[in-house]
Amino acid sequence: MLEQRVQTIMRYVPVEIHDLWQLLDGYLEHNWAQFQEEICEIYEEGDLLSRYSKQKLADYTRQASHSQKKDKEDVGKYYQRFLILSKPLLQSQRLTEDE
């Protein structure tokens, strides 16, 4: 039943948000509690676009470059977080594909 909530809520959000939420671990695992927590974390700091900036993306990639990726899971987690930070910037045209 709780797994269905993850799918059901997606019907009520704009496509831009839908794409972002699909990247969350809770969505991928159909885990309602985790999904709900991750969504709250996204919106904790207020406006969605104000939370994401080129500087935050640069800080994340710089920080991540200093830690060793041990396996595919580590690389996958890095890439997932990278997409979560970059996708809103791309969609709002605050970041280009080349950047």
N, C-alpha and C. Protein backbone atom coordinates (compact mmCIF):
# COMPACT_ATOMS: atom_id res chain seq x y z
N MET A 1 0.81 -1.20 0.00
CA MET A 1 0.00 0.00 0.00
C MET A 1 0.86 1.26 0.00
N LEU A 2 1.87 1.30 0.87
CA LEU A 2 2.74 2.47 0.93
C LEU A 2 3.54 2.63 -0.36
N GLU A 3 3.88 1.51 -0.99
CA GLU A 3 4.61 1.56 -2.26
C GLU A 3 3.80 2.28 -3.32
N GLN A 4 2.47 2.10 -3.28
CA GLN A 4 1.60 2.74 -4.27
C GLN A 4 1.58 4.25 -4.10
N ARG A 5 1.83 4.74 -2.89
CA ARG A 5 1.84 6.18 -2.65
C ARG A 5 2.93 6.85 -3.48
N VAL A 6 4.07 6.20 -3.59
CA VAL A 6 5.17 6.76 -4.36
C VAL A 6 4.73 6.99 -5.81
N GLN A 7 4.06 6.02 -6.39
CA GLN A 7 3.59 6.14 -7.77
C GLN A 7 2.43 7.13 -7.88
N THR A 8 1.52 7.09 -6.93
CA THR A 8 0.32 7.91 -6.98
C THR A 8 0.66 9.40 -6.91
N ILE A 9 1.54 9.78 -6.02
CA ILE A 9 1.85 11.20 -5.84
C ILE A 9 2.45 11.81 -7.10
N MET A 10 3.10 11.00 -7.90
CA MET A 10 3.74 11.51 -9.11
C MET A 10 2.72 12.05 -10.11
N ARG A 11 1.49 11.64 -10.00
CA ARG A 11 0.44 12.12 -10.90
C ARG A 11 0.10 13.58 -10.66
N TYR A 12 0.46 14.09 -9.49
CA TYR A 12 0.01 15.42 -9.09
C TYR A 12 1.10 16.48 -9.10
N VAL A 13 2.25 16.17 -9.64
CA VAL A 13 3.34 17.15 -9.66
C VAL A 13 3.69 17.51 -11.10
N PRO A 14 4.18 18.74 -11.30
CA PRO A 14 4.58 19.15 -12.66
C PRO A 14 5.71 18.26 -13.20
N VAL A 15 5.82 18.21 -14.51
CA VAL A 15 6.82 17.36 -15.16
C VAL A 15 8.23 17.68 -14.67
N GLU A 16 8.54 18.97 -14.49
CA GLU A 16 9.88 19.35 -14.04
C GLU A 16 10.19 18.73 -12.68
N ILE A 17 9.23 18.73 -11.79
CA ILE A 17 9.41 18.16 -10.46
C ILE A 17 9.41 16.64 -10.55
N HIS A 18 8.54 16.11 -11.38
CA HIS A 18 8.44 14.67 -11.59
C HIS A 18 9.80 14.10 -11.97
N ASP A 19 10.46 14.74 -12.92
CA ASP A 19 11.77 14.28 -13.37
C ASP A 19 12.79 14.29 -12.23
N LEU A 20 12.76 15.32 -11.42
CA LEU A 20 13.68 15.43 -10.29
C LEU A 20 13.38 14.36 -9.24
N TRP A 21 12.12 14.20 -8.90
CA TRP A 21 11.74 13.23 -7.86
C TRP A 21 12.06 11.80 -8.27
N GLN A 22 12.03 11.51 -9.56
CA GLN A 22 12.33 10.16 -10.03
C GLN A 22 13.79 9.78 -9.76
N LEU A 23 14.63 10.75 -9.50
CA LEU A 23 16.04 10.47 -9.23
C LEU A 23 16.29 10.09 -7.77
N LEU A 24 15.32 10.30 -6.92
CA LEU A 24 15.49 10.03 -5.49
C LEU A 24 15.48 8.53 -5.19
N ASP A 25 16.30 8.14 -4.23
CA ASP A 25 16.39 6.72 -3.85
C ASP A 25 15.03 6.16 -3.43
N GLY A 26 14.27 6.93 -2.67
CA GLY A 26 12.97 6.46 -2.21
C GLY A 26 12.02 6.15 -3.35
N TYR A 27 12.11 6.94 -4.42
CA TYR A 27 11.29 6.66 -5.60
C TYR A 27 11.74 5.37 -6.26
N LEU A 28 13.04 5.25 -6.45
CA LEU A 28 13.58 4.09 -7.13
C LEU A 28 13.30 2.79 -6.37
N GLU A 29 13.26 2.88 -5.05
CA GLU A 29 13.04 1.70 -4.20
C GLU A 29 11.57 1.56 -3.80
N HIS A 30 10.72 2.48 -4.25
CA HIS A 30 9.29 2.49 -3.88
C HIS A 30 9.13 2.46 -2.35
N ASN A 31 9.96 3.23 -1.67
CA ASN A 31 9.95 3.30 -0.22
C ASN A 31 9.34 4.65 0.18
N TRP A 32 8.07 4.64 0.59
CA TRP A 32 7.33 5.87 0.87
C TRP A 32 8.00 6.70 1.96
N ALA A 33 8.41 6.11 3.05
CA ALA A 33 9.01 6.86 4.16
C ALA A 33 10.29 7.56 3.70
N GLN A 34 11.13 6.85 2.99
CA GLN A 34 12.38 7.43 2.50
C GLN A 34 12.10 8.52 1.46
N PHE A 35 11.17 8.24 0.57
CA PHE A 35 10.80 9.19 -0.47
C PHE A 35 10.29 10.48 0.14
N GLN A 36 9.42 10.35 1.12
CA GLN A 36 8.85 11.51 1.80
C GLN A 36 9.96 12.33 2.49
N GLU A 37 10.88 11.66 3.13
CA GLU A 37 12.00 12.33 3.81
C GLU A 37 12.88 13.07 2.80
N GLU A 38 13.18 12.44 1.69
CA GLU A 38 14.02 13.05 0.66
C GLU A 38 13.35 14.28 0.05
N ILE A 39 12.04 14.21 -0.16
CA ILE A 39 11.31 15.36 -0.69
C ILE A 39 11.38 16.52 0.30
N CYS A 40 11.20 16.22 1.57
CA CYS A 40 11.29 17.27 2.60
C CYS A 40 12.67 17.91 2.61
N GLU A 41 13.72 17.11 2.45
CA GLU A 41 15.08 17.64 2.40
C GLU A 41 15.26 18.60 1.23
N ILE A 42 14.67 18.26 0.10
CA ILE A 42 14.79 19.13 -1.08
C ILE A 42 14.21 20.51 -0.79
N TYR A 43 13.08 20.54 -0.12
CA TYR A 43 12.36 21.79 0.06
C TYR A 43 12.66 22.48 1.39
N GLU A 44 13.52 21.90 2.18
CA GLU A 44 13.88 22.48 3.47
C GLU A 44 14.35 23.92 3.36
N GLU A 45 15.16 24.20 2.37
CA GLU A 45 15.78 25.51 2.25
C GLU A 45 14.94 26.49 1.46
N GLY A 46 13.68 26.20 1.22
CA GLY A 46 12.83 27.15 0.52
C GLY A 46 12.65 26.82 -0.94
N ASP A 47 12.65 27.84 -1.75
CA ASP A 47 12.42 27.73 -3.19
C ASP A 47 13.36 26.72 -3.83
N LEU A 48 12.81 25.85 -4.65
CA LEU A 48 13.58 24.79 -5.29
C LEU A 48 14.77 25.33 -6.06
N LEU A 49 14.57 26.33 -6.89
CA LEU A 49 15.66 26.83 -7.70
C LEU A 49 16.70 27.57 -6.89
N SER A 50 16.30 28.19 -5.79
CA SER A 50 17.30 28.88 -4.97
C SER A 50 18.21 27.89 -4.26
N ARG A 51 17.74 26.68 -4.09
CA ARG A 51 18.57 25.66 -3.43
C ARG A 51 19.68 25.18 -4.35
N TYR A 52 19.47 25.25 -5.64
CA TYR A 52 20.43 24.74 -6.61
C TYR A 52 21.12 25.92 -7.29
N SER A 53 22.41 25.88 -7.29
CA SER A 53 23.18 26.93 -7.95
C SER A 53 24.41 26.30 -8.58
N LYS A 54 24.99 27.05 -9.51
CA LYS A 54 26.22 26.58 -10.13
C LYS A 54 27.31 26.39 -9.08
N GLN A 55 27.33 27.29 -8.09
CA GLN A 55 28.35 27.20 -7.05
C GLN A 55 28.18 25.93 -6.22
N LYS A 56 26.95 25.58 -5.87
CA LYS A 56 26.72 24.35 -5.11
C LYS A 56 27.11 23.12 -5.93
N LEU A 57 26.82 23.16 -7.22
CA LEU A 57 27.20 22.06 -8.09
C LEU A 57 28.72 21.96 -8.18
N ALA A 58 29.39 23.09 -8.34
CA ALA A 58 30.86 23.10 -8.40
C ALA A 58 31.46 22.62 -7.08
N ASP A 59 30.89 23.07 -5.97
CA ASP A 59 31.38 22.63 -4.65
C ASP A 59 31.24 21.12 -4.49
N TYR A 60 30.10 20.59 -4.91
CA TYR A 60 29.87 19.15 -4.80
C TYR A 60 30.87 18.37 -5.66
N THR A 61 31.05 18.78 -6.90
CA THR A 61 31.97 18.03 -7.76
C THR A 61 33.40 18.14 -7.26
N ARG A 62 33.77 19.30 -6.74
CA ARG A 62 35.11 19.47 -6.18
C ARG A 62 35.31 18.57 -4.96
N GLN A 63 34.34 18.57 -4.06
CA GLN A 63 34.41 17.74 -2.86
C GLN A 63 34.45 16.26 -3.23
N ALA A 64 33.61 15.86 -4.17
CA ALA A 64 33.54 14.46 -4.58
C ALA A 64 34.83 14.00 -5.27
N SER A 65 35.52 14.93 -5.91
CA SER A 65 36.75 14.55 -6.60
C SER A 65 37.87 14.19 -5.63
N HIS A 66 37.70 14.58 -4.37
CA HIS A 66 38.72 14.28 -3.35
C HIS A 66 38.45 12.97 -2.61
N SER A 67 37.35 12.33 -2.92
CA SER A 67 37.05 11.06 -2.26
C SER A 67 37.09 9.93 -3.30
N GLN A 68 37.65 8.83 -2.90
CA GLN A 68 37.79 7.69 -3.80
C GLN A 68 36.47 6.95 -3.93
N LYS A 69 36.13 6.63 -5.15
CA LYS A 69 34.93 5.83 -5.42
C LYS A 69 35.36 4.37 -5.42
N LYS A 70 34.81 3.59 -4.48
CA LYS A 70 35.24 2.21 -4.28
C LYS A 70 34.63 1.22 -5.26
N ASP A 71 33.38 1.51 -5.68
CA ASP A 71 32.69 0.55 -6.53
C ASP A 71 31.61 1.25 -7.35
N LYS A 72 30.87 0.46 -8.11
CA LYS A 72 29.80 1.00 -8.97
C LYS A 72 28.76 1.75 -8.15
N GLU A 73 28.49 1.25 -6.96
CA GLU A 73 27.48 1.90 -6.10
C GLU A 73 27.91 3.32 -5.74
N ASP A 74 29.18 3.52 -5.41
CA ASP A 74 29.68 4.85 -5.09
C ASP A 74 29.58 5.78 -6.30
N VAL A 75 29.93 5.27 -7.46
CA VAL A 75 29.85 6.06 -8.69
C VAL A 75 28.38 6.39 -8.98
N GLY A 76 27.51 5.42 -8.79
CA GLY A 76 26.08 5.64 -9.00
C GLY A 76 25.51 6.70 -8.08
N LYS A 77 25.91 6.67 -6.81
CA LYS A 77 25.44 7.67 -5.85
C LYS A 77 25.94 9.06 -6.22
N TYR A 78 27.21 9.12 -6.65
CA TYR A 78 27.76 10.42 -7.08
C TYR A 78 26.95 10.94 -8.26
N TYR A 79 26.74 10.09 -9.25
CA TYR A 79 26.04 10.51 -10.46
C TYR A 79 24.60 10.92 -10.15
N GLN A 80 23.95 10.19 -9.28
CA GLN A 80 22.57 10.52 -8.92
C GLN A 80 22.51 11.89 -8.26
N ARG A 81 23.41 12.16 -7.32
CA ARG A 81 23.43 13.47 -6.64
C ARG A 81 23.78 14.57 -7.65
N PHE A 82 24.71 14.27 -8.57
CA PHE A 82 25.07 15.24 -9.60
C PHE A 82 23.83 15.60 -10.43
N LEU A 83 23.05 14.61 -10.83
CA LEU A 83 21.84 14.87 -11.60
C LEU A 83 20.82 15.68 -10.81
N ILE A 84 20.68 15.37 -9.53
CA ILE A 84 19.73 16.10 -8.69
C ILE A 84 20.12 17.57 -8.60
N LEU A 85 21.42 17.85 -8.52
CA LEU A 85 21.88 19.24 -8.44
C LEU A 85 21.87 19.95 -9.78
N SER A 86 22.13 19.23 -10.87
CA SER A 86 22.28 19.88 -12.17
C SER A 86 20.97 19.99 -12.96
N LYS A 87 20.09 19.04 -12.81
CA LYS A 87 18.88 19.02 -13.64
C LYS A 87 18.02 20.29 -13.48
N PRO A 88 17.76 20.76 -12.27
CA PRO A 88 16.99 22.01 -12.16
C PRO A 88 17.70 23.20 -12.81
N LEU A 89 19.02 23.21 -12.75
CA LEU A 89 19.78 24.30 -13.37
C LEU A 89 19.66 24.23 -14.90
N LEU A 90 19.73 23.03 -15.44
CA LEU A 90 19.57 22.87 -16.88
C LEU A 90 18.16 23.27 -17.33
N GLN A 91 17.16 22.83 -16.59
CA GLN A 91 15.78 23.10 -16.97
C GLN A 91 15.43 24.58 -16.85
N SER A 92 16.08 25.27 -15.92
CA SER A 92 15.81 26.70 -15.77
C SER A 92 16.75 27.54 -16.64
N GLN A 93 17.58 26.87 -17.44
CA GLN A 93 18.55 27.48 -18.34
C GLN A 93 19.58 28.33 -17.59
N ARG A 94 19.84 27.96 -16.34
CA ARG A 94 20.91 28.62 -15.57
C ARG A 94 22.23 27.87 -15.75
N LEU A 95 22.18 26.75 -16.47
CA LEU A 95 23.35 25.94 -16.78
C LEU A 95 23.15 25.39 -18.18
N THR A 96 24.21 25.40 -18.97
CA THR A 96 24.10 24.83 -20.31
C THR A 96 24.72 23.44 -20.33
N GLU A 97 24.41 22.67 -21.35
CA GLU A 97 24.99 21.34 -21.51
C GLU A 97 26.51 21.42 -21.55
N ASP A 98 27.06 22.43 -22.20
CA ASP A 98 28.51 22.57 -22.29
C ASP A 98 29.15 22.83 -20.93
N GLU A 99 28.47 23.62 -20.10
CA GLU A 99 29.02 23.90 -18.77
C GLU A 99 29.04 22.65 -17.93
